[in-house]
Protein backbone atom coordinates (compact mmCIF):
# COMPACT_ATOMS: atom_id res chain seq x y z
CA MET A 1 31.96 35.50 -20.55
CA GLU A 2 30.38 32.17 -21.48
CA GLN A 3 28.65 31.89 -24.83
CA ASP A 4 26.99 28.78 -26.25
CA PHE A 5 25.38 30.27 -29.35
CA GLU A 6 25.93 28.25 -32.49
CA MET A 7 25.87 31.52 -34.54
CA LYS A 8 27.44 34.90 -33.86
CA VAL A 9 25.58 37.30 -31.56
CA LYS A 10 23.50 39.51 -33.81
CA MET A 11 22.45 42.92 -32.50
CA MET A 12 20.33 45.69 -33.99
CA VAL A 13 21.04 49.36 -33.30
CA VAL A 14 17.96 51.58 -33.74
CA ASP A 15 18.84 55.29 -33.80
CA ASP A 16 18.24 58.20 -36.18
CA GLU A 17 21.78 59.51 -35.66
CA VAL A 18 23.61 58.45 -38.85
CA ASP A 19 27.08 58.84 -37.34
CA LEU A 20 26.38 56.16 -34.70
CA GLU A 21 26.84 53.27 -37.14
CA PRO A 22 30.51 53.96 -38.01
CA MET A 23 31.27 54.56 -34.33
CA ILE A 24 29.76 51.19 -33.37
CA ARG A 25 31.59 49.37 -36.14
CA GLN A 26 34.88 51.00 -35.15
CA LYS A 27 34.44 50.23 -31.43
CA PHE A 28 33.59 46.56 -31.99
CA ARG A 29 35.76 45.93 -35.05
CA ARG A 30 37.68 43.12 -33.35
CA GLN A 31 34.50 41.23 -32.37
CA ILE A 32 33.04 41.80 -35.85
CA ARG A 33 36.19 40.47 -37.58
CA SER A 34 36.34 37.41 -35.32
CA GLY A 35 32.68 36.62 -36.00
CA GLU A 36 31.68 37.11 -32.37
CA TYR A 37 29.32 40.02 -33.08
CA ASP A 38 27.21 41.09 -36.05
CA PHE A 39 25.32 44.36 -36.25
CA VAL A 40 22.19 45.45 -38.10
CA PHE A 41 21.16 49.12 -38.16
CA ALA A 42 17.76 50.82 -38.37
CA HIS A 43 16.79 54.49 -38.06
CA ASN A 44 13.35 54.23 -36.43
CA GLY A 45 10.91 51.77 -34.91
CA LEU A 46 9.14 50.90 -38.18
CA GLU A 47 12.41 50.08 -39.90
CA ALA A 48 13.46 48.06 -36.86
CA LEU A 49 10.36 45.85 -37.10
CA SER A 50 11.10 45.28 -40.79
CA LYS A 51 14.70 44.35 -39.98
CA LEU A 52 13.50 41.84 -37.37
CA ILE A 53 11.56 40.01 -40.07
CA GLU A 54 14.61 40.06 -42.33
CA HIS A 55 16.95 38.98 -39.50
CA PRO A 56 15.01 36.71 -37.10
CA ASP A 57 18.27 35.74 -35.36
CA ILE A 58 18.68 39.18 -33.76
CA VAL A 59 18.92 38.73 -29.98
CA ILE A 60 19.76 42.24 -28.70
CA ILE A 61 18.21 45.57 -29.69
CA LEU A 62 19.92 48.83 -28.73
CA SER A 63 17.23 51.46 -29.26
CA ASP A 64 17.02 55.21 -28.85
CA ILE A 65 13.78 56.47 -27.30
CA ASN A 66 13.23 59.67 -29.31
CA MET A 67 12.98 58.83 -33.04
CA PRO A 68 10.73 59.86 -35.94
CA GLU A 69 7.85 57.72 -37.35
CA MET A 70 7.94 55.25 -34.41
CA ASP A 71 9.75 56.05 -31.18
CA GLY A 72 11.49 53.60 -28.88
CA LEU A 73 8.65 53.38 -26.37
CA THR A 74 6.17 52.35 -29.07
CA LEU A 75 8.74 49.90 -30.45
CA LEU A 76 8.92 48.26 -27.01
CA LEU A 77 5.15 47.68 -27.05
CA LYS A 78 5.41 46.04 -30.48
CA LEU A 79 8.33 43.88 -29.36
CA LYS A 80 6.36 42.76 -26.31
CA GLU A 81 3.69 41.37 -28.63
CA LEU A 82 6.30 39.02 -30.13
CA LYS A 83 6.50 37.14 -26.77
CA ASN A 84 10.15 36.28 -27.32
CA PRO A 85 11.86 36.20 -23.89
CA SER A 86 15.28 35.72 -25.51
CA LEU A 87 15.05 39.06 -27.36
CA LYS A 88 16.49 41.74 -25.07
CA THR A 89 16.16 45.50 -25.56
CA VAL A 90 18.50 48.12 -24.13
CA VAL A 91 17.11 51.67 -24.44
CA VAL A 92 19.12 54.86 -24.84
CA SER A 93 17.92 58.28 -23.70
CA ALA A 94 19.26 61.61 -22.61
CA TYR A 95 20.75 61.85 -19.16
CA GLY A 96 18.06 62.89 -16.70
CA ASP A 97 15.17 61.66 -18.87
CA MET A 98 14.13 59.28 -16.10
CA GLU A 99 10.41 59.43 -16.89
CA ASN A 100 10.89 57.89 -20.35
CA ILE A 101 13.51 55.46 -19.04
CA ARG A 102 11.12 54.31 -16.31
CA THR A 103 8.35 53.88 -18.91
CA ALA A 104 10.73 51.86 -21.09
CA MET A 105 11.65 49.55 -18.20
CA ASN A 106 7.97 49.04 -17.39
CA ARG A 107 7.39 48.07 -21.02
CA GLY A 108 9.99 45.32 -20.92
CA ALA A 109 13.38 46.93 -21.56
CA PHE A 110 16.19 44.85 -20.08
CA ASP A 111 18.54 47.76 -19.34
CA PHE A 112 19.23 51.37 -20.30
CA LEU A 113 22.09 53.67 -21.27
CA THR A 114 22.28 57.45 -21.26
CA LYS A 115 23.56 59.81 -23.92
CA PRO A 116 26.23 60.62 -24.77
CA ILE A 117 26.99 56.89 -24.92
CA ASN A 118 29.97 55.70 -22.94
CA PHE A 119 31.29 52.87 -25.11
CA GLN A 120 32.98 51.12 -22.22
CA ASP A 121 29.63 51.11 -20.44
CA LEU A 122 27.98 49.92 -23.66
CA GLU A 123 30.34 46.96 -23.92
CA LEU A 124 29.69 45.98 -20.30
CA THR A 125 25.94 46.25 -20.89
CA ILE A 126 26.14 44.10 -24.04
CA ASN A 127 28.14 41.43 -22.19
CA LYS A 128 25.66 41.45 -19.29
CA THR A 129 22.76 41.15 -21.71
CA ILE A 130 24.38 38.26 -23.56
CA ASP A 131 24.98 36.47 -20.26
CA GLU A 132 21.29 36.83 -19.43
CA ILE A 133 20.28 35.45 -22.83
CA VAL A 134 22.62 32.48 -22.34
CA ILE A 135 21.02 31.77 -18.96
CA GLN A 136 17.51 32.02 -20.41
CA ARG A 137 18.30 29.77 -23.35
CA GLN A 138 19.84 27.20 -21.03
CA ALA A 139 16.74 27.38 -18.85
CA LEU A 140 14.55 26.81 -21.92
CA ILE A 141 16.66 23.79 -22.89
CA GLU A 142 16.39 22.36 -19.37
CA HIS A 143 12.64 23.06 -19.37
CA ASP A 144 12.22 21.14 -22.61
CA GLN A 145 14.30 18.30 -21.17
CA LEU A 146 12.10 18.18 -18.07
CA ILE A 147 8.99 18.04 -20.24
CA SER A 148 10.53 15.18 -22.21
CA ILE A 149 11.44 13.34 -18.99
CA GLN A 150 7.93 13.85 -17.62
CA ARG A 151 6.48 12.50 -20.85
CA ASP A 152 8.72 9.43 -20.58
CA LEU A 153 7.71 8.96 -16.94
CA ASN A 154 4.04 9.08 -17.88
CA VAL A 155 4.64 6.38 -20.48
CA ALA A 156 6.63 4.35 -17.93
CA ARG A 157 3.76 4.65 -15.45
CA GLU A 158 1.31 3.27 -17.99
CA ILE A 159 3.70 0.43 -18.85
CA GLN A 160 4.11 -0.39 -15.16
CA LYS A 161 0.36 -0.43 -14.68
CA GLY A 162 0.12 -2.81 -17.61
CA ILE A 163 2.63 -5.19 -15.99
CA LEU A 164 0.54 -5.61 -12.84
CA PRO A 165 -2.81 -7.42 -12.96
CA GLN A 166 -5.60 -4.87 -13.29
CA VAL A 167 -8.69 -6.94 -14.13
CA PHE A 168 -10.81 -8.02 -11.17
CA PRO A 169 -12.10 -10.54 -10.56
CA PRO A 170 -9.19 -12.18 -12.41
CA PHE A 171 -10.73 -15.67 -12.42
CA PRO A 172 -14.51 -15.13 -12.42
CA ASP A 173 -15.23 -18.84 -12.80
CA ARG A 174 -13.28 -19.73 -9.65
CA LEU A 175 -15.54 -19.56 -6.58
CA GLU A 176 -13.01 -20.98 -4.11
CA PHE A 177 -11.33 -17.62 -3.53
CA ASP A 178 -11.69 -13.87 -3.87
CA ILE A 179 -8.62 -11.72 -4.59
CA PHE A 180 -7.98 -8.02 -5.08
CA ALA A 181 -4.83 -5.87 -5.17
CA SER A 182 -3.84 -2.22 -5.55
CA MET A 183 -0.69 -0.13 -5.87
CA VAL A 184 -0.57 3.65 -5.37
CA ALA A 185 2.90 4.83 -6.41
CA ALA A 186 4.51 7.69 -4.46
CA LYS A 187 6.12 8.93 -7.68
CA GLU A 188 5.25 8.54 -11.36
CA VAL A 189 6.65 5.01 -11.20
CA GLY A 190 7.23 2.84 -8.15
CA GLY A 191 9.26 -0.06 -6.83
CA ASP A 192 6.39 -2.02 -5.28
CA PHE A 193 4.67 -4.84 -7.13
CA TYR A 194 2.12 -7.58 -6.69
CA ASP A 195 1.14 -10.54 -8.82
CA PHE A 196 -0.92 -13.75 -8.77
CA PHE A 197 -1.34 -16.68 -11.13
CA MET A 198 -2.64 -20.25 -11.22
CA ILE A 199 0.13 -22.86 -11.09
CA ASP A 200 -2.37 -25.58 -11.91
CA ASN A 201 -6.07 -26.17 -11.42
CA ASP A 202 -5.78 -26.37 -7.63
CA ARG A 203 -2.93 -24.00 -6.66
CA LEU A 204 -2.93 -20.21 -6.74
CA SER A 205 0.36 -18.34 -6.33
CA PHE A 206 0.41 -14.77 -5.08
CA VAL A 207 3.27 -12.40 -4.32
CA ILE A 208 4.03 -8.90 -3.10
CA GLY A 209 7.38 -7.13 -3.25
CA ASP A 210 9.11 -3.87 -2.38
CA VAL A 211 12.29 -2.84 -4.20
CA SER A 212 14.87 -0.67 -2.45
CA GLY A 213 15.02 2.89 -3.74
CA LYS A 214 12.57 4.93 -5.78
CA GLY A 215 11.94 6.11 -9.31
CA ILE A 216 12.94 4.54 -12.62
CA PRO A 217 15.78 2.27 -11.33
CA ALA A 218 13.42 0.75 -8.76
CA ALA A 219 10.69 0.38 -11.39
CA ILE A 220 13.02 -1.53 -13.72
CA PHE A 221 14.25 -3.78 -10.91
CA MET A 222 10.62 -4.30 -9.89
CA ALA A 223 9.68 -5.44 -13.40
CA VAL A 224 12.61 -7.86 -13.54
CA SER A 225 11.84 -9.30 -10.09
CA ARG A 226 8.16 -9.76 -10.81
CA THR A 227 8.88 -11.47 -14.14
CA LEU A 228 11.45 -13.85 -12.62
CA ILE A 229 9.13 -14.84 -9.76
CA ARG A 230 6.23 -15.52 -12.11
CA ALA A 231 8.34 -17.52 -14.57
CA THR A 232 9.90 -19.54 -11.75
CA GLY A 233 6.67 -20.01 -9.81
CA LEU A 234 4.90 -21.47 -12.85
CA LYS A 235 7.33 -24.37 -12.70
CA GLY A 236 5.46 -25.55 -9.60
CA MET A 237 8.38 -25.65 -7.14
CA SER A 238 7.88 -24.88 -3.46
CA ALA A 239 7.76 -21.30 -2.19
CA GLY A 240 11.23 -21.46 -0.64
CA GLU A 241 12.76 -23.08 -3.73
CA CYS A 242 11.21 -20.40 -5.92
CA LEU A 243 12.78 -17.58 -3.90
CA HIS A 244 16.12 -19.44 -3.77
CA TYR A 245 16.21 -19.69 -7.56
CA VAL A 246 15.11 -16.08 -8.13
CA ASN A 247 17.60 -14.80 -5.56
CA ASN A 248 20.51 -16.41 -7.41
CA LEU A 249 19.37 -14.83 -10.67
CA LEU A 250 19.05 -11.39 -9.07
CA CYS A 251 22.42 -11.67 -7.34
CA SER A 252 24.14 -12.46 -10.64
CA GLU A 253 22.54 -9.47 -12.39
CA SER A 254 21.99 -6.96 -9.56
CA VAL A 255 23.53 -3.50 -9.92
CA SER A 256 23.82 -0.47 -7.63
CA CYS A 257 23.30 -2.71 -4.57
CA MET A 258 19.55 -2.95 -5.20
CA PHE A 259 17.47 -5.58 -3.44
CA VAL A 260 13.84 -6.51 -3.04
CA THR A 261 11.73 -7.78 -0.14
CA VAL A 262 9.24 -10.46 -1.19
CA PHE A 263 6.43 -12.50 0.31
CA TYR A 264 5.48 -15.45 -1.88
CA GLY A 265 2.54 -17.73 -1.14
CA ILE A 266 0.91 -20.78 -2.71
CA MET A 267 -2.72 -21.47 -1.82
CA ASN A 268 -4.16 -24.96 -2.29
CA MET A 269 -7.83 -24.42 -3.07
CA LYS A 270 -8.80 -28.01 -2.34
CA THR A 271 -7.24 -28.30 1.12
CA GLY A 272 -6.99 -24.68 2.31
CA GLU A 273 -3.27 -25.06 2.99
CA LEU A 274 -1.21 -21.91 2.53
CA GLU A 275 2.46 -22.54 1.80
CA TYR A 276 4.73 -19.52 1.92
CA ALA A 277 8.25 -18.10 2.04
CA ASN A 278 9.23 -14.62 3.18
CA ALA A 279 12.34 -12.77 2.00
CA GLY A 280 12.54 -9.91 4.48
CA HIS A 281 9.05 -8.58 3.79
CA ASN A 282 6.41 -7.33 6.23
CA PRO A 283 4.65 -10.44 7.59
CA PRO A 284 1.06 -10.63 6.29
CA TYR A 285 -2.00 -10.68 8.51
CA ILE A 286 -4.45 -13.56 8.72
CA LEU A 287 -8.03 -12.48 9.30
CA LYS A 288 -9.83 -15.50 10.78
CA ASN A 289 -13.49 -16.07 10.02
CA SER A 290 -14.09 -15.49 13.74
CA GLY A 291 -12.84 -11.89 13.37
CA GLN A 292 -9.51 -12.59 15.09
CA VAL A 293 -6.44 -10.98 13.50
CA GLN A 294 -3.04 -12.61 13.71
CA MET A 295 0.30 -11.87 12.09
CA LEU A 296 1.72 -14.70 10.00
CA GLU A 297 4.80 -16.30 11.52
CA SER A 298 8.03 -14.97 10.02
CA THR A 299 10.54 -17.27 8.33
CA GLY A 300 13.50 -15.12 9.40
CA ASP A 301 14.94 -14.91 5.89
CA ILE A 302 16.63 -11.89 4.30
CA VAL A 303 15.90 -9.92 1.15
CA LEU A 304 16.49 -11.09 -2.43
CA GLY A 305 19.48 -9.89 -4.44
CA VAL A 306 22.13 -9.69 -1.70
CA PHE A 307 23.57 -13.09 -0.80
CA GLU A 308 23.86 -15.71 -3.52
CA ASP A 309 22.84 -19.33 -2.91
CA LYS A 310 20.81 -18.41 0.16
CA GLN A 311 18.27 -21.04 1.22
CA PHE A 312 14.76 -19.84 2.03
CA VAL A 313 12.48 -21.58 4.52
CA THR A 314 9.07 -22.85 3.40
CA LYS A 315 6.32 -22.79 6.01
CA SER A 316 2.61 -23.53 5.85
CA ILE A 317 -0.62 -22.86 7.73
CA GLN A 318 -4.13 -24.20 7.41
CA LEU A 319 -6.85 -21.73 6.41
CA GLN A 320 -10.52 -22.22 7.08
CA PRO A 321 -13.34 -21.10 4.78
CA GLN A 322 -13.84 -17.29 4.95
CA ASP A 323 -10.33 -16.72 6.32
CA GLY A 324 -8.47 -13.86 4.66
CA VAL A 325 -4.79 -13.05 4.03
CA LEU A 326 -3.62 -9.42 3.82
CA LEU A 327 -0.30 -8.64 2.14
CA PHE A 328 1.01 -5.08 2.31
CA THR A 329 4.17 -3.00 1.87
CA ASP A 330 5.61 -0.63 4.46
CA GLY A 331 4.16 2.31 2.55
CA VAL A 332 0.98 1.48 4.48
CA THR A 333 2.29 1.21 8.03
CA GLU A 334 4.95 3.90 7.55
CA ALA A 335 2.62 6.53 6.10
CA PHE A 336 2.89 9.88 7.91
CA ASN A 337 0.39 12.63 8.60
CA LEU A 338 0.98 16.38 8.87
CA LYS A 339 1.94 15.98 12.56
CA ASN A 340 4.70 13.54 11.51
CA GLU A 341 2.84 10.69 13.20
CA VAL A 342 3.14 7.23 11.66
CA TYR A 343 0.13 5.13 10.64
CA GLY A 344 1.56 2.03 12.30
CA GLU A 345 0.61 -1.62 12.63
CA PRO A 346 -1.79 -1.25 15.60
CA ARG A 347 -4.10 1.02 13.57
CA LEU A 348 -3.96 -1.40 10.62
CA GLU A 349 -4.80 -4.36 12.89
CA GLN A 350 -7.76 -2.52 14.42
CA LEU A 351 -9.07 -1.69 10.98
CA ILE A 352 -8.83 -5.16 9.45
CA ALA A 353 -10.52 -6.65 12.51
CA THR A 354 -13.70 -5.03 11.15
CA PHE A 355 -13.44 -6.83 7.79
CA LYS A 356 -15.27 -10.04 8.78
CA ASP A 357 -17.85 -9.86 6.02
CA PHE A 358 -15.83 -7.77 3.55
CA SER A 359 -14.97 -8.83 0.03
CA ALA A 360 -11.32 -8.63 -1.02
CA GLU A 361 -11.94 -5.41 -2.95
CA MET A 362 -13.80 -3.81 -0.05
CA ALA A 363 -10.94 -4.66 2.32
CA VAL A 364 -8.21 -3.16 0.10
CA ASN A 365 -10.20 -0.02 -0.68
CA ALA A 366 -11.01 0.50 3.01
CA ILE A 367 -7.31 0.42 3.93
CA VAL A 368 -6.32 2.80 1.12
CA ALA A 369 -9.06 5.20 2.20
CA ASP A 370 -8.05 4.98 5.86
CA VAL A 371 -4.38 5.67 5.10
CA ASP A 372 -5.39 8.63 2.97
CA ASP A 373 -7.66 9.94 5.72
CA PHE A 374 -4.86 9.52 8.27
CA ALA A 375 -2.29 11.32 6.08
CA HIS A 376 -4.73 14.23 5.72
CA GLY A 377 -2.88 15.79 2.80
CA ALA A 378 0.68 14.95 3.86
CA THR A 379 3.00 14.05 0.97
CA GLN A 380 3.05 10.34 0.24
CA SER A 381 6.60 9.18 0.95
CA ASP A 382 6.40 5.58 -0.25
CA ASP A 383 4.39 3.32 -2.53
CA ILE A 384 1.22 1.92 -0.96
CA THR A 385 0.58 -1.62 -2.14
CA LEU A 386 -1.97 -4.14 -0.86
CA LEU A 387 -3.20 -7.61 -1.78
CA PHE A 388 -6.08 -9.36 -0.05
CA LEU A 389 -6.92 -13.02 -0.63
CA LYS A 390 -10.09 -14.50 0.86
CA TYR A 391 -10.42 -18.28 0.94
CA ASN A 392 -14.03 -19.32 0.39
CA GLY A 393 -13.49 -23.06 0.64
């Protein structure tokens, strides 16, 4: 029998038969001497309630049903008011007194014994009751731990939100572009991220990433990746050089075989040139001012954090005023509905083709709403992250 009590198991015997006490002490003398058991005795329900106040560490009550002043059935009602699930009561009644025994069980008794008491049966019942208390106490400990973990996750979620840009428009004095982004985590914290920052007066950097895995490890790796890309990008190097440098840093520090897919772009506001590098991420869409939708050409490069000293290709395209760039993670295209159907790229392309006159915020919100409508209540399996940049010229 497993016991994890810090103190001995304290039991109270409630019975008006005075000769029961010496019999109990004689039967369990070994456990009493070894400190395994401790007994308290009361002769009726009123005295039992008084003893509970005096000995709050009592965990098992062995109570007769028929007693003067306050019987065992009334005592059970009083014990129920204490709302202590770890306090177990075993009732004792005459053999055949099933009506009172049934009433006792309905009032919260854990088990019952019949008179005359079989002490071997009593010992088995005590051991079974202790095992149940151990299980309940362990469950309470685990419940408290889960609450603590949930509290930590809530804090982590708020921290993660604080890491990602949340104020829009982020540069209200800049009329050359319109940008908006959103992340809807599948769990309390996610592995997706987005970011954007001005390298200088003319160049805007923007990035989206998706870390392998879920939960807290992915969230930590996400924060590290985002910070490294921002710190490196502010140096003004090309998109490919930035990912090359960040990849080496991640490879030297990466644990548990984690990696991250990244699209990193640099937009020149004066010329409309978009320079970019792609480390295994979903290729973005270009929404032309004519309403045409095209997928940005892939660079063919792999994810960050796997192969050290990997070179990443830098490519560029020319944007025209009112052209838009949509960055997204696979939580969008791989969203499922209740029929296990996938959202898919064709549906996304059809939707964004209607965004000709949309602002960046309208475009992102429309996609989030459409994915949610498609899922129709199905559990979100992955983070849904979007960034839309509209070049105004």
